[in-house]
Amino acid sequence: MLIRYKKSFEKIAMGLMSFMPTEKEIKQLQQSMKQYEEEKNFQLFLWKEEDIIGLAGVEIEDHQITLRHISVNPSHRNEGVGHRIVASLKEMYSDKELVSTSYTEGFLQKCEDNEPAAE
């Protein structure tokens, strides 16, 4: 289940986000977290099953949302968690196109390649 980020989840969110190649340095990671906390068009979501095991960060614009961050706890990878996160985002923002950054492009493309064809 996708839940909105709250400050009480900061440590787990930072831990998950630190798996992103762009967030390896603590200053950059702190800056990204601050952006999600302060800018209203940036939203951070956590994926919760029994525990919080994934994260997605988006930038919301008029006709699209940009997937800026997506991360899954390494012990839960290859279980479809990332695909479920993307599917939930598409459902939540069904009126907008989901687009990627250069860092999330490969994963988003993989998700779209595995989507069932519309009938």
PDB file of N, CA and C in Angstrom:
ATOM      1  N   MET A   1       0.834  -1.166   0.000  1.00  0.00           N
ATOM      2  CA  MET A   1       0.000   0.000   0.000  1.00  0.00           C
ATOM      3  C   MET A   1       0.889   1.242   0.000  1.00  0.00           C
ATOM      4  N   LEU A   2       0.512   2.195  -0.831  1.00  0.00           N
ATOM      5  CA  LEU A   2       1.249   3.452  -0.935  1.00  0.00           C
ATOM      6  C   LEU A   2       0.747   4.411   0.145  1.00  0.00           C
ATOM      7  N   ILE A   3       1.653   4.940   0.958  1.00  0.00           N
ATOM      8  CA  ILE A   3       1.278   5.916   1.982  1.00  0.00           C
ATOM      9  C   ILE A   3       2.126   7.169   1.813  1.00  0.00           C
ATOM     10  N   ARG A   4       1.551   8.301   2.177  1.00  0.00           N
ATOM     11  CA  ARG A   4       2.289   9.564   2.086  1.00  0.00           C
ATOM     12  C   ARG A   4       3.373   9.628   3.159  1.00  0.00           C
ATOM     13  N   TYR A   5       4.482  10.222   2.780  1.00  0.00           N
ATOM     14  CA  TYR A   5       5.599  10.420   3.698  1.00  0.00           C
ATOM     15  C   TYR A   5       5.186  11.356   4.827  1.00  0.00           C
ATOM     16  N   LYS A   6       5.608  11.025   6.031  1.00  0.00           N
ATOM     17  CA  LYS A   6       5.484  11.908   7.187  1.00  0.00           C
ATOM     18  C   LYS A   6       6.873  12.004   7.825  1.00  0.00           C
ATOM     19  N   LYS A   7       7.105  13.093   8.509  1.00  0.00           N
ATOM     20  CA  LYS A   7       8.407  13.345   9.137  1.00  0.00           C
ATOM     21  C   LYS A   7       8.822  12.189  10.055  1.00  0.00           C
ATOM     22  N   SER A   8       7.863  11.515  10.667  1.00  0.00           N
ATOM     23  CA  SER A   8       8.200  10.405  11.572  1.00  0.00           C
ATOM     24  C   SER A   8       8.838   9.231  10.823  1.00  0.00           C
ATOM     25  N   PHE A   9       8.709   9.206   9.490  1.00  0.00           N
ATOM     26  CA  PHE A   9       9.319   8.151   8.675  1.00  0.00           C
ATOM     27  C   PHE A   9      10.650   8.588   8.055  1.00  0.00           C
ATOM     28  N   GLU A  10      11.191   9.702   8.526  1.00  0.00           N
ATOM     29  CA  GLU A  10      12.369  10.286   7.884  1.00  0.00           C
ATOM     30  C   GLU A  10      13.550   9.315   7.784  1.00  0.00           C
ATOM     31  N   LYS A  11      13.887   8.640   8.866  1.00  0.00           N
ATOM     32  CA  LYS A  11      15.073   7.762   8.842  1.00  0.00           C
ATOM     33  C   LYS A  11      14.912   6.622   7.846  1.00  0.00           C
ATOM     34  N   ILE A  12      13.751   5.983   7.847  1.00  0.00           N
ATOM     35  CA  ILE A  12      13.557   4.872   6.910  1.00  0.00           C
ATOM     36  C   ILE A  12      13.517   5.386   5.472  1.00  0.00           C
ATOM     37  N   ALA A  13      12.910   6.557   5.271  1.00  0.00           N
ATOM     38  CA  ALA A  13      12.859   7.136   3.923  1.00  0.00           C
ATOM     39  C   ALA A  13      14.262   7.484   3.430  1.00  0.00           C
ATOM     40  N   MET A  14      15.069   8.057   4.287  1.00  0.00           N
ATOM     41  CA  MET A  14      16.439   8.395   3.895  1.00  0.00           C
ATOM     42  C   MET A  14      17.241   7.135   3.599  1.00  0.00           C
ATOM     43  N   GLY A  15      17.023   6.096   4.390  1.00  0.00           N
ATOM     44  CA  GLY A  15      17.714   4.829   4.148  1.00  0.00           C
ATOM     45  C   GLY A  15      17.359   4.248   2.791  1.00  0.00           C
ATOM     46  N   LEU A  16      16.071   4.240   2.469  1.00  0.00           N
ATOM     47  CA  LEU A  16      15.638   3.722   1.175  1.00  0.00           C
ATOM     48  C   LEU A  16      16.133   4.601   0.028  1.00  0.00           C
ATOM     49  N   MET A  17      16.042   5.911   0.205  1.00  0.00           N
ATOM     50  CA  MET A  17      16.468   6.815  -0.861  1.00  0.00           C
ATOM     51  C   MET A  17      17.970   6.737  -1.104  1.00  0.00           C
ATOM     52  N   SER A  18      18.729   6.374  -0.082  1.00  0.00           N
ATOM     53  CA  SER A  18      20.187   6.312  -0.234  1.00  0.00           C
ATOM     54  C   SER A  18      20.622   5.206  -1.202  1.00  0.00           C
ATOM     55  N   PHE A  19      19.707   4.296  -1.564  1.00  0.00           N
ATOM     56  CA  PHE A  19      20.039   3.277  -2.564  1.00  0.00           C
ATOM     57  C   PHE A  19      20.053   3.845  -3.984  1.00  0.00           C
ATOM     58  N   MET A  20      19.472   5.035  -4.177  1.00  0.00           N
ATOM     59  CA  MET A  20      19.467   5.665  -5.502  1.00  0.00           C
ATOM     60  C   MET A  20      20.882   6.164  -5.814  1.00  0.00           C
ATOM     61  N   PRO A  21      21.352   5.962  -7.048  1.00  0.00           N
ATOM     62  CA  PRO A  21      22.714   6.401  -7.402  1.00  0.00           C
ATOM     63  C   PRO A  21      22.940   7.902  -7.196  1.00  0.00           C
ATOM     64  N   THR A  22      21.890   8.705  -7.331  1.00  0.00           N
ATOM     65  CA  THR A  22      22.025  10.157  -7.190  1.00  0.00           C
ATOM     66  C   THR A  22      22.076  10.611  -5.739  1.00  0.00           C
ATOM     67  N   GLU A  23      21.810   9.713  -4.801  1.00  0.00           N
ATOM     68  CA  GLU A  23      21.665  10.108  -3.396  1.00  0.00           C
ATOM     69  C   GLU A  23      22.728   9.493  -2.496  1.00  0.00           C
ATOM     70  N   LYS A  24      23.885   9.183  -3.037  1.00  0.00           N
ATOM     71  CA  LYS A  24      24.937   8.541  -2.254  1.00  0.00           C
ATOM     72  C   LYS A  24      25.591   9.486  -1.249  1.00  0.00           C
ATOM     73  N   GLU A  25      25.656  10.768  -1.587  1.00  0.00           N
ATOM     74  CA  GLU A  25      26.276  11.734  -0.679  1.00  0.00           C
ATOM     75  C   GLU A  25      25.216  12.298   0.263  1.00  0.00           C
ATOM     76  N   ILE A  26      25.549  12.394   1.540  1.00  0.00           N
ATOM     77  CA  ILE A  26      24.586  12.796   2.566  1.00  0.00           C
ATOM     78  C   ILE A  26      24.004  14.183   2.295  1.00  0.00           C
ATOM     79  N   LYS A  27      24.806  15.117   1.802  1.00  0.00           N
ATOM     80  CA  LYS A  27      24.294  16.468   1.533  1.00  0.00           C
ATOM     81  C   LYS A  27      23.218  16.439   0.459  1.00  0.00           C
ATOM     82  N   GLN A  28      23.443  15.664  -0.591  1.00  0.00           N
ATOM     83  CA  GLN A  28      22.451  15.544  -1.662  1.00  0.00           C
ATOM     84  C   GLN A  28      21.187  14.865  -1.140  1.00  0.00           C
ATOM     85  N   LEU A  29      21.363  13.837  -0.345  1.00  0.00           N
ATOM     86  CA  LEU A  29      20.230  13.121   0.233  1.00  0.00           C
ATOM     87  C   LEU A  29      19.394  14.050   1.116  1.00  0.00           C
ATOM     88  N   GLN A  30      20.049  14.831   1.951  1.00  0.00           N
ATOM     89  CA  GLN A  30      19.341  15.779   2.818  1.00  0.00           C
ATOM     90  C   GLN A  30      18.614  16.834   1.994  1.00  0.00           C
ATOM     91  N   GLN A  31      19.242  17.286   0.926  1.00  0.00           N
ATOM     92  CA  GLN A  31      18.631  18.294   0.056  1.00  0.00           C
ATOM     93  C   GLN A  31      17.378  17.719  -0.616  1.00  0.00           C
ATOM     94  N   SER A  32      17.447  16.484  -1.085  1.00  0.00           N
ATOM     95  CA  SER A  32      16.283  15.850  -1.708  1.00  0.00           C
ATOM     96  C   SER A  32      15.150  15.683  -0.697  1.00  0.00           C
ATOM     97  N   MET A  33      15.473  15.250   0.503  1.00  0.00           N
ATOM     98  CA  MET A  33      14.449  15.084   1.533  1.00  0.00           C
ATOM     99  C   MET A  33      13.789  16.425   1.849  1.00  0.00           C
ATOM    100  N   LYS A  34      14.586  17.460   1.950  1.00  0.00           N
ATOM    101  CA  LYS A  34      14.066  18.803   2.237  1.00  0.00           C
ATOM    102  C   LYS A  34      13.107  19.249   1.135  1.00  0.00           C
ATOM    103  N   GLN A  35      13.468  18.949  -0.112  1.00  0.00           N
ATOM    104  CA  GLN A  35      12.621  19.320  -1.237  1.00  0.00           C
ATOM    105  C   GLN A  35      11.251  18.639  -1.124  1.00  0.00           C
ATOM    106  N   TYR A  36      11.229  17.353  -0.785  1.00  0.00           N
ATOM    107  CA  TYR A  36       9.959  16.639  -0.630  1.00  0.00           C
ATOM    108  C   TYR A  36       9.154  17.170   0.552  1.00  0.00           C
ATOM    109  N   GLU A  37       9.831  17.624   1.585  1.00  0.00           N
ATOM    110  CA  GLU A  37       9.129  18.132   2.765  1.00  0.00           C
ATOM    111  C   GLU A  37       8.576  19.536   2.560  1.00  0.00           C
ATOM    112  N   GLU A  38       9.254  20.350   1.747  1.00  0.00           N
ATOM    113  CA  GLU A  38       8.900  21.768   1.665  1.00  0.00           C
ATOM    114  C   GLU A  38       8.180  22.192   0.390  1.00  0.00           C
ATOM    115  N   GLU A  39       8.412  21.531  -0.709  1.00  0.00           N
ATOM    116  CA  GLU A  39       7.806  21.964  -1.971  1.00  0.00           C
ATOM    117  C   GLU A  39       6.547  21.163  -2.247  1.00  0.00           C
ATOM    118  N   LYS A  40       5.422  21.870  -2.426  1.00  0.00           N
ATOM    119  CA  LYS A  40       4.143  21.165  -2.519  1.00  0.00           C
ATOM    120  C   LYS A  40       3.986  20.337  -3.780  1.00  0.00           C
ATOM    121  N   ASN A  41       4.714  20.636  -4.849  1.00  0.00           N
ATOM    122  CA  ASN A  41       4.594  19.824  -6.070  1.00  0.00           C
ATOM    123  C   ASN A  41       5.528  18.603  -6.051  1.00  0.00           C
ATOM    124  N   PHE A  42       6.285  18.421  -4.984  1.00  0.00           N
ATOM    125  CA  PHE A  42       7.119  17.227  -4.794  1.00  0.00           C
ATOM    126  C   PHE A  42       6.474  16.385  -3.699  1.00  0.00           C
ATOM    127  N   GLN A  43       6.176  15.126  -4.017  1.00  0.00           N
ATOM    128  CA  GLN A  43       5.539  14.237  -3.049  1.00  0.00           C
ATOM    129  C   GLN A  43       6.367  12.967  -2.896  1.00  0.00           C
ATOM    130  N   LEU A  44       6.525  12.545  -1.673  1.00  0.00           N
ATOM    131  CA  LEU A  44       7.250  11.320  -1.366  1.00  0.00           C
ATOM    132  C   LEU A  44       6.250  10.321  -0.802  1.00  0.00           C
ATOM    133  N   PHE A  45       6.296   9.106  -1.325  1.00  0.00           N
ATOM    134  CA  PHE A  45       5.418   8.028  -0.880  1.00  0.00           C
ATOM    135  C   PHE A  45       6.257   6.857  -0.407  1.00  0.00           C
ATOM    136  N   LEU A  46       5.726   6.139   0.562  1.00  0.00           N
ATOM    137  CA  LEU A  46       6.381   4.938   1.059  1.00  0.00           C
ATOM    138  C   LEU A  46       5.485   3.753   0.737  1.00  0.00           C
ATOM    139  N   TRP A  47       6.100   2.615   0.451  1.00  0.00           N
ATOM    140  CA  TRP A  47       5.342   1.397   0.177  1.00  0.00           C
ATOM    141  C   TRP A  47       5.390   0.527   1.418  1.00  0.00           C
ATOM    142  N   LYS A  48       4.191   0.244   1.945  1.00  0.00           N
ATOM    143  CA  LYS A  48       4.110  -0.533   3.180  1.00  0.00           C
ATOM    144  C   LYS A  48       3.372  -1.839   2.921  1.00  0.00           C
ATOM    145  N   GLU A  49       4.002  -2.925   3.295  1.00  0.00           N
ATOM    146  CA  GLU A  49       3.336  -4.220   3.328  1.00  0.00           C
ATOM    147  C   GLU A  49       3.235  -4.526   4.813  1.00  0.00           C
ATOM    148  N   GLU A  50       4.030  -5.417   5.360  1.00  0.00           N
ATOM    149  CA  GLU A  50       4.069  -5.537   6.819  1.00  0.00           C
ATOM    150  C   GLU A  50       4.931  -4.421   7.387  1.00  0.00           C
ATOM    151  N   ASP A  51       6.016  -4.126   6.691  1.00  0.00           N
ATOM    152  CA  ASP A  51       6.909  -3.024   7.043  1.00  0.00           C
ATOM    153  C   ASP A  51       7.010  -2.096   5.846  1.00  0.00           C
ATOM    154  N   ILE A  52       7.658  -0.966   6.039  1.00  0.00           N
ATOM    155  CA  ILE A  52       7.926  -0.069   4.917  1.00  0.00           C
ATOM    156  C   ILE A  52       9.125  -0.639   4.166  1.00  0.00           C
ATOM    157  N   ILE A  53       8.911  -0.983   2.899  1.00  0.00           N
ATOM    158  CA  ILE A  53       9.968  -1.654   2.134  1.00  0.00           C
ATOM    159  C   ILE A  53      10.306  -0.951   0.830  1.00  0.00           C
ATOM    160  N   GLY A  54       9.614   0.140   0.523  1.00  0.00           N
ATOM    161  CA  GLY A  54       9.885   0.837  -0.729  1.00  0.00           C
ATOM    162  C   GLY A  54       9.540   2.300  -0.631  1.00  0.00           C
ATOM    163  N   LEU A  55       9.961   3.028  -1.656  1.00  0.00           N
ATOM    164  CA  LEU A  55       9.790   4.473  -1.667  1.00  0.00           C
ATOM    165  C   LEU A  55       9.656   4.947  -3.104  1.00  0.00           C
ATOM    166  N   ALA A  56       8.852   5.973  -3.310  1.00  0.00           N
ATOM    167  CA  ALA A  56       8.755   6.629  -4.612  1.00  0.00           C
ATOM    168  C   ALA A  56       8.616   8.121  -4.373  1.00  0.00           C
ATOM    169  N   GLY A  57       9.367   8.893  -5.132  1.00  0.00           N
ATOM    170  CA  GLY A  57       9.284  10.346  -5.062  1.00  0.00           C
ATOM    171  C   GLY A  57       8.889  10.877  -6.418  1.00  0.00           C
ATOM    172  N   VAL A  58       7.874  11.747  -6.440  1.00  0.00           N
ATOM    173  CA  VAL A  58       7.394  12.289  -7.708  1.00  0.00           C
ATOM    174  C   VAL A  58       7.340  13.814  -7.664  1.00  0.00           C
ATOM    175  N   GLU A  59       7.444  14.383  -8.852  1.00  0.00           N
ATOM    176  CA  GLU A  59       7.209  15.816  -9.037  1.00  0.00           C
ATOM    177  C   GLU A  59       5.922  15.926  -9.836  1.00  0.00           C
ATOM    178  N   ILE A  60       4.959  16.646  -9.293  1.00  0.00           N
ATOM    179  CA  ILE A  60       3.634  16.741  -9.902  1.00  0.00           C
ATOM    180  C   ILE A  60       3.546  18.032 -10.705  1.00  0.00           C
ATOM    181  N   GLU A  61       3.210  17.885 -11.976  1.00  0.00           N
ATOM    182  CA  GLU A  61       3.036  19.032 -12.866  1.00  0.00           C
ATOM    183  C   GLU A  61       1.630  18.972 -13.439  1.00  0.00           C
ATOM    184  N   ASP A  62       1.270  19.929 -14.301  1.00  0.00           N
ATOM    185  CA  ASP A  62      -0.099  20.020 -14.817  1.00  0.00           C
ATOM    186  C   ASP A  62      -0.593  18.735 -15.463  1.00  0.00           C
ATOM    187  N   HIS A  63       0.156  18.201 -16.404  1.00  0.00           N
ATOM    188  CA  HIS A  63      -0.319  17.052 -17.177  1.00  0.00           C
ATOM    189  C   HIS A  63       0.519  15.796 -16.974  1.00  0.00           C
ATOM    190  N   GLN A  64       1.495  15.880 -16.092  1.00  0.00           N
ATOM    191  CA  GLN A  64       2.341  14.703 -15.887  1.00  0.00           C
ATOM    192  C   GLN A  64       2.897  14.670 -14.475  1.00  0.00           C
ATOM    193  N   ILE A  65       3.320  13.477 -14.085  1.00  0.00           N
ATOM    194  CA  ILE A  65       4.099  13.328 -12.861  1.00  0.00           C
ATOM    195  C   ILE A  65       5.424  12.697 -13.274  1.00  0.00           C
ATOM    196  N   THR A  66       6.479  13.204 -12.695  1.00  0.00           N
ATOM    197  CA  THR A  66       7.819  12.700 -12.990  1.00  0.00           C
ATOM    198  C   THR A  66       8.284  11.830 -11.833  1.00  0.00           C
ATOM    199  N   LEU A  67       8.613  10.588 -12.152  1.00  0.00           N
ATOM    200  CA  LEU A  67       9.152   9.674 -11.148  1.00  0.00           C
ATOM    201  C   LEU A  67      10.622  10.029 -10.938  1.00  0.00           C
ATOM    202  N   ARG A  68      10.917  10.703  -9.831  1.00  0.00           N
ATOM    203  CA  ARG A  68      12.269  11.171  -9.558  1.00  0.00           C
ATOM    204  C   ARG A  68      13.081  10.153  -8.760  1.00  0.00           C
ATOM    205  N   HIS A  69      12.422   9.442  -7.873  1.00  0.00           N
ATOM    206  CA  HIS A  69      13.088   8.443  -7.039  1.00  0.00           C
ATOM    207  C   HIS A  69      12.211   7.212  -6.939  1.00  0.00           C
ATOM    208  N   ILE A  70      12.830   6.047  -6.999  1.00  0.00           N
ATOM    209  CA  ILE A  70      12.137   4.797  -6.680  1.00  0.00           C
ATOM    210  C   ILE A  70      13.179   3.852  -6.106  1.00  0.00           C
ATOM    211  N   SER A  71      12.827   3.235  -4.994  1.00  0.00           N
ATOM    212  CA  SER A  71      13.784   2.375  -4.309  1.00  0.00           C
ATOM    213  C   SER A  71      13.031   1.304  -3.536  1.00  0.00           C
ATOM    214  N   VAL A  72      13.612   0.115  -3.509  1.00  0.00           N
ATOM    215  CA  VAL A  72      13.048  -0.997  -2.752  1.00  0.00           C
ATOM    216  C   VAL A  72      14.158  -1.577  -1.883  1.00  0.00           C
ATOM    217  N   ASN A  73      13.811  -1.910  -0.663  1.00  0.00           N
ATOM    218  CA  ASN A  73      14.758  -2.547   0.250  1.00  0.00           C
ATOM    219  C   ASN A  73      15.373  -3.749  -0.469  1.00  0.00           C
ATOM    220  N   PRO A  74      16.708  -3.870  -0.455  1.00  0.00           N
ATOM    221  CA  PRO A  74      17.354  -4.971  -1.188  1.00  0.00           C
ATOM    222  C   PRO A  74      16.826  -6.362  -0.841  1.00  0.00           C
ATOM    223  N   SER A  75      16.394  -6.588   0.375  1.00  0.00           N
ATOM    224  CA  SER A  75      15.893  -7.917   0.736  1.00  0.00           C
ATOM    225  C   SER A  75      14.502  -8.198   0.164  1.00  0.00           C
ATOM    226  N   HIS A  76      13.888  -7.197  -0.476  1.00  0.00           N
ATOM    227  CA  HIS A  76      12.565  -7.383  -1.087  1.00  0.00           C
ATOM    228  C   HIS A  76      12.595  -7.154  -2.595  1.00  0.00           C
ATOM    229  N   ARG A  77      13.777  -7.077  -3.169  1.00  0.00           N
ATOM    230  CA  ARG A  77      13.868  -6.867  -4.611  1.00  0.00           C
ATOM    231  C   ARG A  77      13.511  -8.141  -5.372  1.00  0.00           C
ATOM    232  N   ASN A  78      13.142  -7.959  -6.626  1.00  0.00           N
ATOM    233  CA  ASN A  78      12.725  -9.060  -7.510  1.00  0.00           C
ATOM    234  C   ASN A  78      11.469  -9.770  -7.019  1.00  0.00           C
ATOM    235  N   GLU A  79      10.641  -9.041  -6.263  1.00  0.00           N
ATOM    236  CA  GLU A  79       9.357  -9.575  -5.799  1.00  0.00           C
ATOM    237  C   GLU A  79       8.189  -8.789  -6.398  1.00  0.00           C
ATOM    238  N   GLY A  80       8.477  -7.847  -7.296  1.00  0.00           N
ATOM    239  CA  GLY A  80       7.417  -7.060  -7.924  1.00  0.00           C
ATOM    240  C   GLY A  80       7.001  -5.827  -7.149  1.00  0.00           C
ATOM    241  N   VAL A  81       7.721  -5.488  -6.079  1.00  0.00           N
ATOM    242  CA  VAL A  81       7.361  -4.329  -5.252  1.00  0.00           C
ATOM    243  C   VAL A  81       7.417  -3.045  -6.074  1.00  0.00           C
ATOM    244  N   GLY A  82       8.491  -2.848  -6.807  1.00  0.00           N
ATOM    245  CA  GLY A  82       8.625  -1.638  -7.625  1.00  0.00           C
ATOM    246  C   GLY A  82       7.516  -1.518  -8.653  1.00  0.00           C
ATOM    247  N   HIS A  83       7.148  -2.637  -9.247  1.00  0.00           N
ATOM    248  CA  HIS A  83       6.057  -2.640 -10.230  1.00  0.00           C
ATOM    249  C   HIS A  83       4.736  -2.247  -9.563  1.00  0.00           C
ATOM    250  N   ARG A  84       4.511  -2.740  -8.343  1.00  0.00           N
ATOM    251  CA  ARG A  84       3.279  -2.387  -7.619  1.00  0.00           C
ATOM    252  C   ARG A  84       3.280  -0.909  -7.242  1.00  0.00           C
ATOM    253  N   ILE A  85       4.435  -0.377  -6.902  1.00  0.00           N
ATOM    254  CA  ILE A  85       4.533   1.057  -6.597  1.00  0.00           C
ATOM    255  C   ILE A  85       4.145   1.871  -7.831  1.00  0.00           C
ATOM    256  N   VAL A  86       4.722   1.524  -8.977  1.00  0.00           N
ATOM    257  CA  VAL A  86       4.432   2.250 -10.219  1.00  0.00           C
ATOM    258  C   VAL A  86       2.950   2.130 -10.573  1.00  0.00           C
ATOM    259  N   ALA A  87       2.383   0.932 -10.460  1.00  0.00           N
ATOM    260  CA  ALA A  87       0.960   0.733 -10.759  1.00  0.00           C
ATOM    261  C   ALA A  87       0.079   1.584  -9.843  1.00  0.00           C
ATOM    262  N   SER A  88       0.451   1.676  -8.568  1.00  0.00           N
ATOM    263  CA  SER A  88      -0.321   2.490  -7.616  1.00  0.00           C
ATOM    264  C   SER A  88      -0.227   3.973  -7.949  1.00  0.00           C
ATOM    265  N   LEU A  89       0.956   4.418  -8.346  1.00  0.00           N
ATOM    266  CA  LEU A  89       1.111   5.823  -8.743  1.00  0.00           C
ATOM    267  C   LEU A  89       0.264   6.132  -9.970  1.00  0.00           C
ATOM    268  N   LYS A  90       0.276   5.218 -10.951  1.00  0.00           N
ATOM    269  CA  LYS A  90      -0.524   5.425 -12.169  1.00  0.00           C
ATOM    270  C   LYS A  90      -2.012   5.487 -11.836  1.00  0.00           C
ATOM    271  N   GLU A  91      -2.433   4.657 -10.895  1.00  0.00           N
ATOM    272  CA  GLU A  91      -3.839   4.666 -10.486  1.00  0.00           C
ATOM    273  C   GLU A  91      -4.169   5.956  -9.728  1.00  0.00           C
ATOM    274  N   MET A  92      -3.294   6.370  -8.837  1.00  0.00           N
ATOM    275  CA  MET A  92      -3.514   7.571  -8.033  1.00  0.00           C
ATOM    276  C   MET A  92      -3.570   8.831  -8.897  1.00  0.00           C
ATOM    277  N   TYR A  93      -2.722   8.870  -9.911  1.00  0.00           N
ATOM    278  CA  TYR A  93      -2.641  10.031 -10.803  1.00  0.00           C
ATOM    279  C   TYR A  93      -3.086   9.635 -12.208  1.00  0.00           C
ATOM    280  N   SER A  94      -4.254   9.003 -12.309  1.00  0.00           N
ATOM    281  CA  SER A  94      -4.716   8.460 -13.584  1.00  0.00           C
ATOM    282  C   SER A  94      -4.961   9.538 -14.640  1.00  0.00           C
ATOM    283  N   ASP A  95      -5.105  10.781 -14.215  1.00  0.00           N
ATOM    284  CA  ASP A  95      -5.326  11.876 -15.171  1.00  0.00           C
ATOM    285  C   ASP A  95      -4.016  12.464 -15.699  1.00  0.00           C
ATOM    286  N   LYS A  96      -2.890  11.939 -15.264  1.00  0.00           N
ATOM    287  CA  LYS A  96      -1.585  12.469 -15.669  1.00  0.00           C
ATOM    288  C   LYS A  96      -0.719  11.358 -16.266  1.00  0.00           C
ATOM    289  N   GLU A  97       0.203  11.760 -17.119  1.00  0.00           N
ATOM    290  CA  GLU A  97       1.164  10.813 -17.688  1.00  0.00           C
ATOM    291  C   GLU A  97       2.330  10.650 -16.712  1.00  0.00           C
ATOM    292  N   LEU A  98       2.738   9.421 -16.485  1.00  0.00           N
ATOM    293  CA  LEU A  98       3.896   9.146 -15.631  1.00  0.00           C
ATOM    294  C   LEU A  98       5.142   9.114 -16.511  1.00  0.00           C
ATOM    295  N   VAL A  99       6.077  10.003 -16.231  1.00  0.00           N
ATOM    296  CA  VAL A  99       7.320  10.070 -16.995  1.00  0.00           C
ATOM    297  C   VAL A  99       8.503   9.873 -16.042  1.00  0.00           C
ATOM    298  N   SER A 100       9.676   9.656 -16.638  1.00  0.00           N
ATOM    299  CA  SER A 100      10.860   9.337 -15.833  1.00  0.00           C
ATOM    300  C   SER A 100      11.922  10.415 -15.956  1.00  0.00           C
ATOM    301  N   THR A 101      12.918  10.309 -15.100  1.00  0.00           N
ATOM    302  CA  THR A 101      14.158  11.060 -15.249  1.00  0.00           C
ATOM    303  C   THR A 101      15.161  10.100 -15.890  1.00  0.00           C
ATOM    304  N   SER A 102      16.346  10.582 -16.168  1.00  0.00           N
ATOM    305  CA  SER A 102      17.355   9.680 -16.739  1.00  0.00           C
ATOM    306  C   SER A 102      17.705   8.561 -15.753  1.00  0.00           C
ATOM    307  N   TYR A 103      17.515   8.796 -14.455  1.00  0.00           N
ATOM    308  CA  TYR A 103      17.849   7.786 -13.443  1.00  0.00           C
ATOM    309  C   TYR A 103      16.737   6.766 -13.231  1.00  0.00           C
ATOM    310  N   THR A 104      15.484   7.142 -13.514  1.00  0.00           N
ATOM    311  CA  THR A 104      14.377   6.209 -13.309  1.00  0.00           C
ATOM    312  C   THR A 104      13.860   5.631 -14.629  1.00  0.00           C
ATOM    313  N   GLU A 105      14.430   6.084 -15.734  1.00  0.00           N
ATOM    314  CA  GLU A 105      13.948   5.688 -17.061  1.00  0.00           C
ATOM    315  C   GLU A 105      13.990   4.175 -17.283  1.00  0.00           C
ATOM    316  N   GLY A 106      15.092   3.542 -16.973  1.00  0.00           N
ATOM    317  CA  GLY A 106      15.244   2.108 -17.205  1.00  0.00           C
ATOM    318  C   GLY A 106      14.213   1.304 -16.436  1.00  0.00           C
ATOM    319  N   PHE A 107      13.999   1.666 -15.180  1.00  0.00           N
ATOM    320  CA  PHE A 107      13.040   0.920 -14.369  1.00  0.00           C
ATOM    321  C   PHE A 107      11.617   1.141 -14.865  1.00  0.00           C
ATOM    322  N   LEU A 108      11.275   2.389 -15.173  1.00  0.00           N
ATOM    323  CA  LEU A 108       9.924   2.677 -15.644  1.00  0.00           C
ATOM    324  C   LEU A 108       9.654   1.964 -16.970  1.00  0.00           C
ATOM    325  N   GLN A 109      10.649   1.924 -17.831  1.00  0.00           N
ATOM    326  CA  GLN A 109      10.498   1.219 -19.107  1.00  0.00           C
ATOM    327  C   GLN A 109      10.268  -0.270 -18.867  1.00  0.00           C
ATOM    328  N   LYS A 110      10.980  -0.839 -17.911  1.00  0.00           N
ATOM    329  CA  LYS A 110      10.832  -2.256 -17.574  1.00  0.00           C
ATOM    330  C   LYS A 110       9.400  -2.528 -17.084  1.00  0.00           C
ATOM    331  N   CYS A 111       8.864  -1.620 -16.287  1.00  0.00           N
ATOM    332  CA  CYS A 111       7.494  -1.770 -15.797  1.00  0.00           C
ATOM    333  C   CYS A 111       6.494  -1.734 -16.946  1.00  0.00           C
ATOM    334  N   GLU A 112       6.691  -0.799 -17.856  1.00  0.00           N
ATOM    335  CA  GLU A 112       5.763  -0.658 -18.983  1.00  0.00           C
ATOM    336  C   GLU A 112       5.866  -1.839 -19.930  1.00  0.00           C
ATOM    337  N   ASP A 113       7.055  -2.390 -20.087  1.00  0.00           N
ATOM    338  CA  ASP A 113       7.224  -3.558 -20.950  1.00  0.00           C
ATOM    339  C   ASP A 113       6.503  -4.779 -20.384  1.00  0.00           C
ATOM    340  N   ASN A 114       6.326  -4.818 -19.067  1.00  0.00           N
ATOM    341  CA  ASN A 114       5.692  -5.960 -18.415  1.00  0.00           C
ATOM    342  C   ASN A 114       4.200  -5.768 -18.150  1.00  0.00           C
ATOM    343  N   GLU A 115       3.649  -4.597 -18.567  1.00  0.00           N
ATOM    344  CA  GLU A 115       2.225  -4.362 -18.376  1.00  0.00           C
ATOM    345  C   GLU A 115       1.416  -5.238 -19.315  1.00  0.00           C
ATOM    346  N   PRO A 116       0.281  -5.742 -18.857  1.00  0.00           N
ATOM    347  CA  PRO A 116      -0.560  -6.494 -19.778  1.00  0.00           C
ATOM    348  C   PRO A 116      -1.099  -5.565 -20.857  1.00  0.00           C
ATOM    349  N   ALA A 117      -1.217  -6.068 -22.065  1.00  0.00           N
ATOM    350  CA  ALA A 117      -1.704  -5.252 -23.173  1.00  0.00           C
ATOM    351  C   ALA A 117      -3.178  -4.911 -22.937  1.00  0.00           C
ATOM    352  N   ALA A 118      -3.542  -3.671 -23.291  1.00  0.00           N
ATOM    353  CA  ALA A 118      -4.948  -3.258 -23.170  1.00  0.00           C
ATOM    354  C   ALA A 118      -5.767  -3.999 -24.224  1.00  0.00           C
ATOM    355  N   GLU A 119      -6.941  -4.459 -23.824  1.00  0.00           N
ATOM    356  CA  GLU A 119      -7.772  -5.210 -24.769  1.00  0.00           C
ATOM    357  C   GLU A 119      -8.931  -4.379 -25.240  1.00  0.00           C
TER     358      GLU A 119
END
